[in-house]
Amino acid sequence: MSARDTIFDTDLTERFLDAKATPEEQERLARAFAEYYPNEQDISAEIDARIEYIAGQLNPQAIRVWFRRYPGLPRFIAILFDLIDLMGMFDEKDWIIDNLRSIEVPEQLYPVWRKKTELAGLKLMIVSLSGAMNYREFPYAGWLADEIHQLLLQACDGPRGSRRRRNGFRDDLTNSLALLRENATLAGITFSPDLPDD
């Protein structure tokens, strides 16, 4: 059954939304749904409406929890959204922001890292990553997420923050980066710093 047919299988989707789908059905629907979610491109009004209906019955966090269970594209999407959430929690008082001030931002990030402050730089990267996700520009989104992970890992070597907090954050980032790369490979996504031509 194709991804399109799966998302239009009303019996399956309703049983899933009622928490009555089998584990195999949950996975099949997650993989089909990930083929279209998120999506700001007009594939067809019919598909857009169906995706909006299913997504509207779940909150974004529930979709991520669902997607994390399945390697490949679903988990890749969940990891990217988790990174966006992580960056959105930082504020000027965080040790990670202090440590970013002493880091030379890689030249390849200059087009994104247009900043007056380190926090503003991260906020702009959130906007860029969110936009790439919404338009399913996964090679670019994956590349940018990889770069962000590496930048934050460098910040873990800075002077601010207790050793325990820096080491814990480093471990979480290292694990997240490994999962990002692994699931991109499983999904057949090759990272690229170039956005597709309009």
N, C-alpha and C. Protein backbone atom coordinates (compact mmCIF):
# COMPACT_ATOMS: atom_id res chain seq x y z
N MET A 1 0.85 -1.19 0.00
CA MET A 1 0.00 0.00 0.00
C MET A 1 0.89 1.25 0.00
N SER A 2 0.57 2.20 -0.85
CA SER A 2 1.38 3.42 -0.95
C SER A 2 1.16 4.31 0.28
N ALA A 3 2.08 5.28 0.44
CA ALA A 3 1.94 6.24 1.55
C ALA A 3 0.62 7.00 1.43
N ARG A 4 0.29 7.37 0.20
CA ARG A 4 -0.97 8.11 -0.01
C ARG A 4 -2.17 7.27 0.40
N ASP A 5 -2.18 6.02 -0.06
CA ASP A 5 -3.30 5.14 0.28
C ASP A 5 -3.39 4.93 1.79
N THR A 6 -2.24 4.85 2.44
CA THR A 6 -2.22 4.61 3.89
C THR A 6 -2.83 5.78 4.65
N ILE A 7 -2.46 7.00 4.29
CA ILE A 7 -3.02 8.14 5.03
C ILE A 7 -4.50 8.35 4.74
N PHE A 8 -4.96 7.80 3.61
CA PHE A 8 -6.39 7.90 3.29
C PHE A 8 -7.18 6.68 3.75
N ASP A 9 -6.51 5.77 4.44
CA ASP A 9 -7.19 4.62 5.01
C ASP A 9 -7.88 5.08 6.30
N THR A 10 -9.12 5.48 6.18
CA THR A 10 -9.82 6.10 7.32
C THR A 10 -10.00 5.14 8.48
N ASP A 11 -10.19 3.86 8.18
CA ASP A 11 -10.33 2.88 9.27
C ASP A 11 -9.03 2.82 10.08
N LEU A 12 -7.92 2.75 9.39
CA LEU A 12 -6.61 2.70 10.07
C LEU A 12 -6.36 3.97 10.87
N THR A 13 -6.56 5.13 10.25
CA THR A 13 -6.24 6.37 10.95
C THR A 13 -7.15 6.59 12.15
N GLU A 14 -8.41 6.24 12.03
CA GLU A 14 -9.30 6.43 13.17
C GLU A 14 -8.95 5.47 14.30
N ARG A 15 -8.58 4.24 13.97
CA ARG A 15 -8.17 3.30 15.02
C ARG A 15 -6.87 3.79 15.66
N PHE A 16 -5.98 4.36 14.87
CA PHE A 16 -4.74 4.92 15.43
C PHE A 16 -5.06 6.08 16.38
N LEU A 17 -5.91 6.99 15.95
CA LEU A 17 -6.25 8.15 16.77
C LEU A 17 -7.01 7.74 18.04
N ASP A 18 -7.68 6.59 17.98
CA ASP A 18 -8.37 6.06 19.17
C ASP A 18 -7.47 5.14 19.99
N ALA A 19 -6.17 5.09 19.64
CA ALA A 19 -5.18 4.24 20.33
C ALA A 19 -5.56 2.76 20.25
N LYS A 20 -6.11 2.35 19.10
CA LYS A 20 -6.50 0.95 18.92
C LYS A 20 -5.75 0.26 17.80
N ALA A 21 -4.82 0.98 17.15
CA ALA A 21 -4.04 0.38 16.06
C ALA A 21 -2.98 -0.54 16.63
N THR A 22 -2.65 -1.58 15.87
CA THR A 22 -1.59 -2.49 16.29
C THR A 22 -0.22 -1.79 16.14
N PRO A 23 0.83 -2.31 16.78
CA PRO A 23 2.16 -1.72 16.60
C PRO A 23 2.58 -1.66 15.13
N GLU A 24 2.27 -2.69 14.38
CA GLU A 24 2.62 -2.70 12.95
C GLU A 24 1.87 -1.62 12.19
N GLU A 25 0.60 -1.43 12.52
CA GLU A 25 -0.19 -0.38 11.87
C GLU A 25 0.30 1.01 12.25
N GLN A 26 0.69 1.18 13.51
CA GLN A 26 1.23 2.46 13.95
C GLN A 26 2.49 2.81 13.17
N GLU A 27 3.33 1.82 12.96
CA GLU A 27 4.56 2.07 12.20
C GLU A 27 4.24 2.38 10.75
N ARG A 28 3.34 1.61 10.15
CA ARG A 28 2.99 1.84 8.74
C ARG A 28 2.43 3.24 8.55
N LEU A 29 1.57 3.67 9.47
CA LEU A 29 1.00 5.01 9.36
C LEU A 29 2.05 6.09 9.61
N ALA A 30 2.96 5.87 10.57
CA ALA A 30 4.02 6.85 10.85
C ALA A 30 4.89 7.05 9.62
N ARG A 31 5.26 5.95 8.97
CA ARG A 31 6.13 6.06 7.78
C ARG A 31 5.41 6.75 6.62
N ALA A 32 4.12 6.48 6.47
CA ALA A 32 3.35 7.14 5.42
C ALA A 32 3.17 8.62 5.73
N PHE A 33 2.84 8.91 6.98
CA PHE A 33 2.61 10.30 7.40
C PHE A 33 3.90 11.12 7.25
N ALA A 34 5.05 10.50 7.56
CA ALA A 34 6.33 11.21 7.45
C ALA A 34 6.67 11.58 6.01
N GLU A 35 6.04 10.92 5.05
CA GLU A 35 6.27 11.27 3.65
C GLU A 35 5.66 12.63 3.29
N TYR A 36 4.77 13.12 4.14
CA TYR A 36 4.08 14.37 3.84
C TYR A 36 4.19 15.42 4.94
N TYR A 37 4.66 15.04 6.13
CA TYR A 37 4.68 15.95 7.28
C TYR A 37 6.11 16.23 7.68
N PRO A 38 6.48 17.49 7.97
CA PRO A 38 5.66 18.70 7.75
C PRO A 38 5.63 19.04 6.27
N ASN A 39 4.72 19.89 5.89
CA ASN A 39 4.63 20.24 4.47
C ASN A 39 3.98 21.58 4.25
N GLU A 40 4.75 22.49 3.66
CA GLU A 40 4.20 23.80 3.27
C GLU A 40 4.07 23.88 1.75
N GLN A 41 4.43 22.78 1.06
CA GLN A 41 4.30 22.78 -0.38
C GLN A 41 2.94 22.23 -0.75
N ASP A 42 2.34 22.81 -1.74
CA ASP A 42 1.02 22.36 -2.15
C ASP A 42 1.15 21.14 -3.04
N ILE A 43 1.04 19.95 -2.41
CA ILE A 43 1.06 18.72 -3.20
C ILE A 43 -0.30 18.58 -3.88
N SER A 44 -1.32 18.58 -3.06
CA SER A 44 -2.70 18.62 -3.55
C SER A 44 -3.57 19.04 -2.37
N ALA A 45 -4.66 19.68 -2.67
CA ALA A 45 -5.56 20.13 -1.60
C ALA A 45 -6.07 18.94 -0.80
N GLU A 46 -6.30 17.83 -1.48
CA GLU A 46 -6.82 16.63 -0.83
C GLU A 46 -5.82 16.07 0.19
N ILE A 47 -4.56 15.96 -0.22
CA ILE A 47 -3.52 15.44 0.69
C ILE A 47 -3.28 16.43 1.82
N ASP A 48 -3.20 17.73 1.48
CA ASP A 48 -3.00 18.75 2.52
C ASP A 48 -4.09 18.65 3.59
N ALA A 49 -5.32 18.49 3.16
CA ALA A 49 -6.44 18.42 4.11
C ALA A 49 -6.33 17.17 4.98
N ARG A 50 -5.89 16.07 4.37
CA ARG A 50 -5.77 14.83 5.14
C ARG A 50 -4.66 14.92 6.18
N ILE A 51 -3.52 15.49 5.79
CA ILE A 51 -2.41 15.66 6.72
C ILE A 51 -2.81 16.62 7.84
N GLU A 52 -3.48 17.69 7.49
CA GLU A 52 -3.94 18.65 8.51
C GLU A 52 -4.92 17.99 9.47
N TYR A 53 -5.77 17.12 8.95
CA TYR A 53 -6.74 16.44 9.81
C TYR A 53 -6.01 15.55 10.83
N ILE A 54 -5.10 14.72 10.35
CA ILE A 54 -4.39 13.81 11.26
C ILE A 54 -3.55 14.60 12.25
N ALA A 55 -2.79 15.58 11.75
CA ALA A 55 -1.94 16.39 12.63
C ALA A 55 -2.79 17.16 13.64
N GLY A 56 -3.97 17.57 13.23
CA GLY A 56 -4.83 18.34 14.11
C GLY A 56 -5.38 17.54 15.28
N GLN A 57 -5.36 16.21 15.15
CA GLN A 57 -5.83 15.36 16.24
C GLN A 57 -4.72 15.06 17.24
N LEU A 58 -3.49 15.41 16.88
CA LEU A 58 -2.33 15.15 17.73
C LEU A 58 -1.62 16.47 17.99
N ASN A 59 -1.00 16.64 19.14
CA ASN A 59 -0.18 17.83 19.32
C ASN A 59 1.22 17.54 18.77
N PRO A 60 2.00 18.58 18.47
CA PRO A 60 3.33 18.36 17.87
C PRO A 60 4.22 17.43 18.69
N GLN A 61 4.13 17.52 20.02
CA GLN A 61 4.94 16.65 20.87
C GLN A 61 4.54 15.19 20.68
N ALA A 62 3.26 14.92 20.56
CA ALA A 62 2.79 13.55 20.36
C ALA A 62 3.29 13.00 19.02
N ILE A 63 3.32 13.84 18.00
CA ILE A 63 3.83 13.41 16.70
C ILE A 63 5.30 13.04 16.82
N ARG A 64 6.07 13.86 17.55
CA ARG A 64 7.49 13.55 17.72
C ARG A 64 7.72 12.26 18.49
N VAL A 65 6.97 12.05 19.54
CA VAL A 65 7.09 10.80 20.31
C VAL A 65 6.79 9.61 19.40
N TRP A 66 5.76 9.74 18.60
CA TRP A 66 5.38 8.70 17.65
C TRP A 66 6.50 8.45 16.64
N PHE A 67 7.02 9.53 16.05
CA PHE A 67 8.07 9.42 15.04
C PHE A 67 9.38 8.85 15.59
N ARG A 68 9.70 9.14 16.84
CA ARG A 68 10.97 8.69 17.41
C ARG A 68 11.09 7.17 17.45
N ARG A 69 9.98 6.48 17.42
CA ARG A 69 9.99 5.02 17.51
C ARG A 69 10.53 4.34 16.26
N TYR A 70 10.53 5.06 15.11
CA TYR A 70 10.79 4.39 13.84
C TYR A 70 12.00 4.96 13.13
N PRO A 71 13.03 4.14 12.92
CA PRO A 71 14.26 4.62 12.27
C PRO A 71 13.99 5.12 10.85
N GLY A 72 14.89 5.96 10.38
CA GLY A 72 14.75 6.51 9.05
C GLY A 72 14.10 7.87 9.08
N LEU A 73 13.24 8.14 8.12
CA LEU A 73 12.66 9.48 7.97
C LEU A 73 11.85 9.93 9.19
N PRO A 74 11.00 9.08 9.78
CA PRO A 74 10.25 9.57 10.95
C PRO A 74 11.18 10.05 12.08
N ARG A 75 12.17 9.23 12.43
CA ARG A 75 13.06 9.62 13.53
C ARG A 75 13.93 10.82 13.14
N PHE A 76 14.34 10.90 11.88
CA PHE A 76 15.12 12.06 11.40
C PHE A 76 14.32 13.34 11.62
N ILE A 77 13.05 13.34 11.25
CA ILE A 77 12.20 14.52 11.42
C ILE A 77 12.07 14.87 12.90
N ALA A 78 11.87 13.85 13.73
CA ALA A 78 11.72 14.10 15.17
C ALA A 78 12.99 14.73 15.76
N ILE A 79 14.15 14.26 15.33
CA ILE A 79 15.42 14.79 15.85
C ILE A 79 15.56 16.27 15.48
N LEU A 80 15.20 16.62 14.26
CA LEU A 80 15.29 18.02 13.84
C LEU A 80 14.36 18.91 14.68
N PHE A 81 13.16 18.46 14.91
CA PHE A 81 12.25 19.25 15.73
C PHE A 81 12.72 19.33 17.18
N ASP A 82 13.32 18.26 17.68
CA ASP A 82 13.88 18.30 19.04
C ASP A 82 14.98 19.34 19.14
N LEU A 83 15.81 19.45 18.09
CA LEU A 83 16.88 20.44 18.09
C LEU A 83 16.31 21.86 18.07
N ILE A 84 15.28 22.07 17.27
CA ILE A 84 14.63 23.38 17.24
C ILE A 84 14.10 23.74 18.63
N ASP A 85 13.46 22.79 19.29
CA ASP A 85 12.94 23.03 20.64
C ASP A 85 14.07 23.35 21.61
N LEU A 86 15.16 22.60 21.52
CA LEU A 86 16.30 22.82 22.41
C LEU A 86 16.84 24.24 22.27
N MET A 87 17.07 24.67 21.04
CA MET A 87 17.60 26.02 20.82
C MET A 87 16.62 27.09 21.27
N GLY A 88 15.34 26.80 21.14
CA GLY A 88 14.33 27.76 21.56
C GLY A 88 14.26 27.97 23.06
N MET A 89 14.86 27.06 23.82
CA MET A 89 14.83 27.18 25.29
C MET A 89 15.96 28.05 25.83
N PHE A 90 16.98 28.34 25.01
CA PHE A 90 18.12 29.13 25.49
C PHE A 90 17.71 30.58 25.73
N ASP A 91 18.35 31.19 26.74
CA ASP A 91 18.21 32.63 26.92
C ASP A 91 19.59 33.23 27.24
N GLU A 92 19.65 34.54 27.35
CA GLU A 92 20.93 35.23 27.52
C GLU A 92 21.68 34.81 28.78
N LYS A 93 20.97 34.25 29.75
CA LYS A 93 21.61 33.87 31.01
C LYS A 93 22.23 32.48 30.98
N ASP A 94 21.98 31.73 29.91
CA ASP A 94 22.48 30.35 29.84
C ASP A 94 23.98 30.31 29.60
N TRP A 95 24.63 29.37 30.26
CA TRP A 95 26.08 29.21 30.12
C TRP A 95 26.48 28.91 28.68
N ILE A 96 25.61 28.22 27.96
CA ILE A 96 25.96 27.86 26.57
C ILE A 96 26.06 29.11 25.70
N ILE A 97 25.23 30.11 25.97
CA ILE A 97 25.28 31.36 25.21
C ILE A 97 26.58 32.11 25.54
N ASP A 98 26.95 32.14 26.81
CA ASP A 98 28.24 32.74 27.19
C ASP A 98 29.39 32.07 26.46
N ASN A 99 29.38 30.76 26.42
CA ASN A 99 30.48 30.04 25.78
C ASN A 99 30.52 30.24 24.27
N LEU A 100 29.37 30.46 23.66
CA LEU A 100 29.35 30.71 22.21
C LEU A 100 30.08 32.00 21.85
N ARG A 101 30.18 32.92 22.79
CA ARG A 101 30.82 34.20 22.50
C ARG A 101 32.31 34.04 22.20
N SER A 102 32.90 32.96 22.67
CA SER A 102 34.34 32.77 22.46
C SER A 102 34.64 31.85 21.29
N ILE A 103 33.61 31.49 20.54
CA ILE A 103 33.79 30.55 19.42
C ILE A 103 33.79 31.30 18.09
N GLU A 104 34.70 30.92 17.24
CA GLU A 104 34.71 31.44 15.87
C GLU A 104 33.68 30.66 15.06
N VAL A 105 32.64 31.32 14.62
CA VAL A 105 31.60 30.63 13.86
C VAL A 105 32.15 30.23 12.50
N PRO A 106 31.96 28.99 12.08
CA PRO A 106 32.47 28.54 10.78
C PRO A 106 31.95 29.40 9.64
N GLU A 107 32.81 29.62 8.68
CA GLU A 107 32.47 30.49 7.55
C GLU A 107 31.20 30.03 6.83
N GLN A 108 31.02 28.70 6.75
CA GLN A 108 29.85 28.20 6.03
C GLN A 108 28.53 28.56 6.70
N LEU A 109 28.60 29.00 7.96
CA LEU A 109 27.37 29.40 8.66
C LEU A 109 27.11 30.91 8.58
N TYR A 110 28.03 31.67 8.01
CA TYR A 110 27.85 33.13 7.96
C TYR A 110 26.51 33.56 7.37
N PRO A 111 26.04 32.91 6.27
CA PRO A 111 24.76 33.36 5.71
C PRO A 111 23.58 33.20 6.68
N VAL A 112 23.71 32.24 7.62
CA VAL A 112 22.64 32.00 8.58
C VAL A 112 22.88 32.77 9.87
N TRP A 113 24.14 32.84 10.27
CA TRP A 113 24.51 33.40 11.57
C TRP A 113 24.66 34.92 11.45
N ARG A 114 23.61 35.57 11.02
CA ARG A 114 23.62 37.03 10.95
C ARG A 114 23.14 37.51 12.31
N LYS A 115 24.05 38.01 13.11
CA LYS A 115 23.68 38.22 14.50
C LYS A 115 24.18 39.54 15.06
N LYS A 116 23.50 40.00 16.08
CA LYS A 116 24.01 41.07 16.93
C LYS A 116 24.48 40.46 18.24
N THR A 117 23.85 39.35 18.62
CA THR A 117 24.25 38.62 19.82
C THR A 117 24.24 37.13 19.48
N GLU A 118 24.88 36.33 20.33
CA GLU A 118 24.89 34.88 20.11
C GLU A 118 23.47 34.31 20.14
N LEU A 119 22.64 34.81 21.05
CA LEU A 119 21.27 34.32 21.13
C LEU A 119 20.51 34.65 19.85
N ALA A 120 20.71 35.84 19.33
CA ALA A 120 20.06 36.22 18.07
C ALA A 120 20.54 35.32 16.94
N GLY A 121 21.81 34.97 16.95
CA GLY A 121 22.34 34.06 15.93
C GLY A 121 21.65 32.71 15.97
N LEU A 122 21.47 32.19 17.18
CA LEU A 122 20.77 30.91 17.31
C LEU A 122 19.31 31.03 16.88
N LYS A 123 18.68 32.14 17.21
CA LYS A 123 17.27 32.32 16.82
C LYS A 123 17.13 32.34 15.29
N LEU A 124 18.10 32.95 14.62
CA LEU A 124 18.05 32.97 13.16
C LEU A 124 18.26 31.58 12.58
N MET A 125 19.09 30.77 13.25
CA MET A 125 19.28 29.40 12.79
C MET A 125 18.01 28.58 13.02
N ILE A 126 17.27 28.89 14.07
CA ILE A 126 15.97 28.22 14.29
C ILE A 126 15.04 28.53 13.12
N VAL A 127 15.00 29.80 12.72
CA VAL A 127 14.14 30.21 11.61
C VAL A 127 14.54 29.48 10.33
N SER A 128 15.85 29.42 10.06
CA SER A 128 16.33 28.75 8.85
C SER A 128 16.03 27.26 8.88
N LEU A 129 16.26 26.64 10.03
CA LEU A 129 16.01 25.20 10.15
C LEU A 129 14.52 24.90 10.06
N SER A 130 13.71 25.71 10.70
CA SER A 130 12.25 25.52 10.65
C SER A 130 11.73 25.67 9.22
N GLY A 131 12.24 26.68 8.52
CA GLY A 131 11.82 26.88 7.13
C GLY A 131 12.19 25.70 6.25
N ALA A 132 13.42 25.21 6.41
CA ALA A 132 13.85 24.05 5.62
C ALA A 132 13.00 22.82 5.94
N MET A 133 12.64 22.67 7.21
CA MET A 133 11.79 21.54 7.60
C MET A 133 10.41 21.67 6.97
N ASN A 134 9.81 22.83 7.08
CA ASN A 134 8.46 23.02 6.57
C ASN A 134 8.36 22.79 5.07
N TYR A 135 9.44 23.11 4.36
CA TYR A 135 9.45 22.91 2.91
C TYR A 135 10.13 21.60 2.52
N ARG A 136 10.39 20.76 3.54
CA ARG A 136 10.96 19.43 3.34
C ARG A 136 12.26 19.46 2.56
N GLU A 137 13.05 20.48 2.81
CA GLU A 137 14.39 20.58 2.20
C GLU A 137 15.36 19.85 3.14
N PHE A 138 15.20 18.52 3.21
CA PHE A 138 15.89 17.73 4.21
C PHE A 138 17.41 17.69 4.05
N PRO A 139 17.96 17.69 2.82
CA PRO A 139 19.43 17.73 2.72
C PRO A 139 20.02 18.98 3.39
N TYR A 140 19.37 20.13 3.17
CA TYR A 140 19.84 21.37 3.79
C TYR A 140 19.55 21.37 5.30
N ALA A 141 18.36 20.94 5.68
CA ALA A 141 18.00 20.90 7.11
C ALA A 141 18.96 20.00 7.87
N GLY A 142 19.29 18.86 7.30
CA GLY A 142 20.22 17.94 7.94
C GLY A 142 21.61 18.53 8.06
N TRP A 143 22.06 19.20 6.99
CA TRP A 143 23.38 19.84 7.01
C TRP A 143 23.43 20.92 8.10
N LEU A 144 22.40 21.77 8.15
CA LEU A 144 22.37 22.84 9.13
C LEU A 144 22.31 22.28 10.55
N ALA A 145 21.50 21.24 10.75
CA ALA A 145 21.40 20.63 12.07
C ALA A 145 22.74 20.02 12.49
N ASP A 146 23.44 19.43 11.56
CA ASP A 146 24.76 18.86 11.84
C ASP A 146 25.72 19.97 12.28
N GLU A 147 25.71 21.08 11.56
CA GLU A 147 26.57 22.22 11.90
C GLU A 147 26.22 22.80 13.27
N ILE A 148 24.94 22.88 13.56
CA ILE A 148 24.49 23.42 14.86
C ILE A 148 24.96 22.51 15.98
N HIS A 149 24.82 21.21 15.80
CA HIS A 149 25.31 20.26 16.81
C HIS A 149 26.80 20.49 17.08
N GLN A 150 27.57 20.63 16.01
CA GLN A 150 29.01 20.79 16.18
C GLN A 150 29.35 22.12 16.86
N LEU A 151 28.61 23.15 16.54
CA LEU A 151 28.82 24.45 17.18
C LEU A 151 28.52 24.37 18.68
N LEU A 152 27.43 23.72 19.03
CA LEU A 152 27.07 23.58 20.44
C LEU A 152 28.04 22.65 21.17
N LEU A 153 28.56 21.66 20.47
CA LEU A 153 29.57 20.79 21.09
C LEU A 153 30.84 21.59 21.42
N GLN A 154 31.23 22.50 20.52
CA GLN A 154 32.38 23.36 20.81
C GLN A 154 32.12 24.22 22.04
N ALA A 155 30.88 24.68 22.16
CA ALA A 155 30.53 25.54 23.30
C ALA A 155 30.63 24.78 24.62
N CYS A 156 30.51 23.46 24.57
CA CYS A 156 30.65 22.66 25.79
C CYS A 156 32.07 22.69 26.35
N ASP A 157 33.04 23.12 25.54
CA ASP A 157 34.43 23.21 25.99
C ASP A 157 34.76 24.57 26.59
N GLY A 158 33.78 25.48 26.59
CA GLY A 158 34.01 26.83 27.12
C GLY A 158 34.10 26.85 28.63
N PRO A 159 34.39 28.03 29.18
CA PRO A 159 34.62 28.15 30.63
C PRO A 159 33.35 28.18 31.48
N ARG A 160 32.22 28.53 30.90
CA ARG A 160 31.00 28.68 31.69
C ARG A 160 30.28 27.35 31.85
N GLY A 161 29.53 27.24 32.93
CA GLY A 161 28.77 26.03 33.20
C GLY A 161 29.59 25.04 34.00
N SER A 162 28.94 24.35 34.90
CA SER A 162 29.67 23.35 35.69
C SER A 162 30.11 22.21 34.79
N ARG A 163 31.15 21.53 35.23
CA ARG A 163 31.66 20.40 34.44
C ARG A 163 30.56 19.36 34.23
N ARG A 164 29.77 19.12 35.25
CA ARG A 164 28.70 18.13 35.14
C ARG A 164 27.68 18.54 34.09
N ARG A 165 27.28 19.80 34.09
CA ARG A 165 26.30 20.25 33.10
C ARG A 165 26.88 20.21 31.69
N ARG A 166 28.13 20.66 31.56
CA ARG A 166 28.74 20.65 30.22
C ARG A 166 28.91 19.23 29.70
N ASN A 167 29.34 18.32 30.58
CA ASN A 167 29.53 16.93 30.15
C ASN A 167 28.20 16.25 29.81
N GLY A 168 27.19 16.52 30.62
CA GLY A 168 25.87 15.95 30.34
C GLY A 168 25.30 16.45 29.03
N PHE A 169 25.44 17.76 28.79
CA PHE A 169 24.95 18.35 27.54
C PHE A 169 25.74 17.81 26.36
N ARG A 170 27.06 17.67 26.52
CA ARG A 170 27.90 17.11 25.46
C ARG A 170 27.46 15.69 25.11
N ASP A 171 27.20 14.89 26.13
CA ASP A 171 26.75 13.51 25.87
C ASP A 171 25.43 13.49 25.10
N ASP A 172 24.50 14.35 25.50
CA ASP A 172 23.20 14.42 24.81
C ASP A 172 23.38 14.85 23.36
N LEU A 173 24.22 15.86 23.13
CA LEU A 173 24.45 16.35 21.77
C LEU A 173 25.14 15.31 20.91
N THR A 174 26.12 14.61 21.49
CA THR A 174 26.85 13.59 20.74
C THR A 174 25.90 12.48 20.31
N ASN A 175 25.04 12.07 21.21
CA ASN A 175 24.06 11.04 20.89
C ASN A 175 23.08 11.53 19.82
N SER A 176 22.61 12.77 19.96
CA SER A 176 21.67 13.33 19.00
C SER A 176 22.30 13.44 17.61
N LEU A 177 23.56 13.87 17.56
CA LEU A 177 24.25 14.01 16.27
C LEU A 177 24.42 12.65 15.60
N ALA A 178 24.79 11.64 16.38
CA ALA A 178 24.94 10.29 15.82
C ALA A 178 23.61 9.79 15.26
N LEU A 179 22.53 10.02 16.00
CA LEU A 179 21.20 9.60 15.53
C LEU A 179 20.77 10.37 14.29
N LEU A 180 21.08 11.67 14.25
CA LEU A 180 20.76 12.49 13.08
C LEU A 180 21.41 11.90 11.84
N ARG A 181 22.72 11.62 11.92
CA ARG A 181 23.45 11.09 10.77
C ARG A 181 22.98 9.69 10.39
N GLU A 182 22.77 8.86 11.40
CA GLU A 182 22.34 7.48 11.14
C GLU A 182 20.98 7.44 10.46
N ASN A 183 20.04 8.24 10.93
CA ASN A 183 18.70 8.19 10.37
C ASN A 183 18.60 8.91 9.04
N ALA A 184 19.46 9.89 8.81
CA ALA A 184 19.54 10.50 7.48
C ALA A 184 19.99 9.44 6.47
N THR A 185 21.00 8.68 6.84
CA THR A 185 21.50 7.62 5.96
C THR A 185 20.40 6.60 5.67
N LEU A 186 19.69 6.18 6.71
CA LEU A 186 18.60 5.21 6.52
C LEU A 186 17.51 5.76 5.61
N ALA A 187 17.29 7.08 5.67
CA ALA A 187 16.25 7.71 4.85
C ALA A 187 16.76 8.09 3.45
N GLY A 188 18.05 7.85 3.19
CA GLY A 188 18.62 8.19 1.89
C GLY A 188 18.83 9.68 1.70
N ILE A 189 19.06 10.42 2.81
CA ILE A 189 19.25 11.86 2.75
C ILE A 189 20.74 12.17 2.83
N THR A 190 21.25 12.88 1.85
CA THR A 190 22.65 13.32 1.84
C THR A 190 22.68 14.81 2.16
N PHE A 191 23.39 15.17 3.22
CA PHE A 191 23.43 16.57 3.64
C PHE A 191 24.06 17.46 2.58
N SER A 192 23.52 18.68 2.46
CA SER A 192 24.04 19.64 1.49
C SER A 192 23.83 21.06 2.01
N PRO A 193 24.86 21.92 1.90
CA PRO A 193 24.69 23.31 2.34
C PRO A 193 23.93 24.17 1.34
N ASP A 194 23.56 23.57 0.22
CA ASP A 194 22.89 24.32 -0.84
C ASP A 194 21.39 24.09 -0.84
N LEU A 195 20.65 25.16 -0.82
CA LEU A 195 19.20 25.06 -0.96
C LEU A 195 18.87 24.83 -2.43
N PRO A 196 17.82 24.05 -2.70
CA PRO A 196 17.44 23.85 -4.11
C PRO A 196 17.00 25.15 -4.76
N ASP A 197 17.24 25.26 -6.05
CA ASP A 197 16.80 26.46 -6.78
C ASP A 197 15.28 26.50 -6.83
N ASP A 198 14.75 27.71 -6.71
CA ASP A 198 13.29 27.86 -6.80
C ASP A 198 12.82 27.65 -8.22
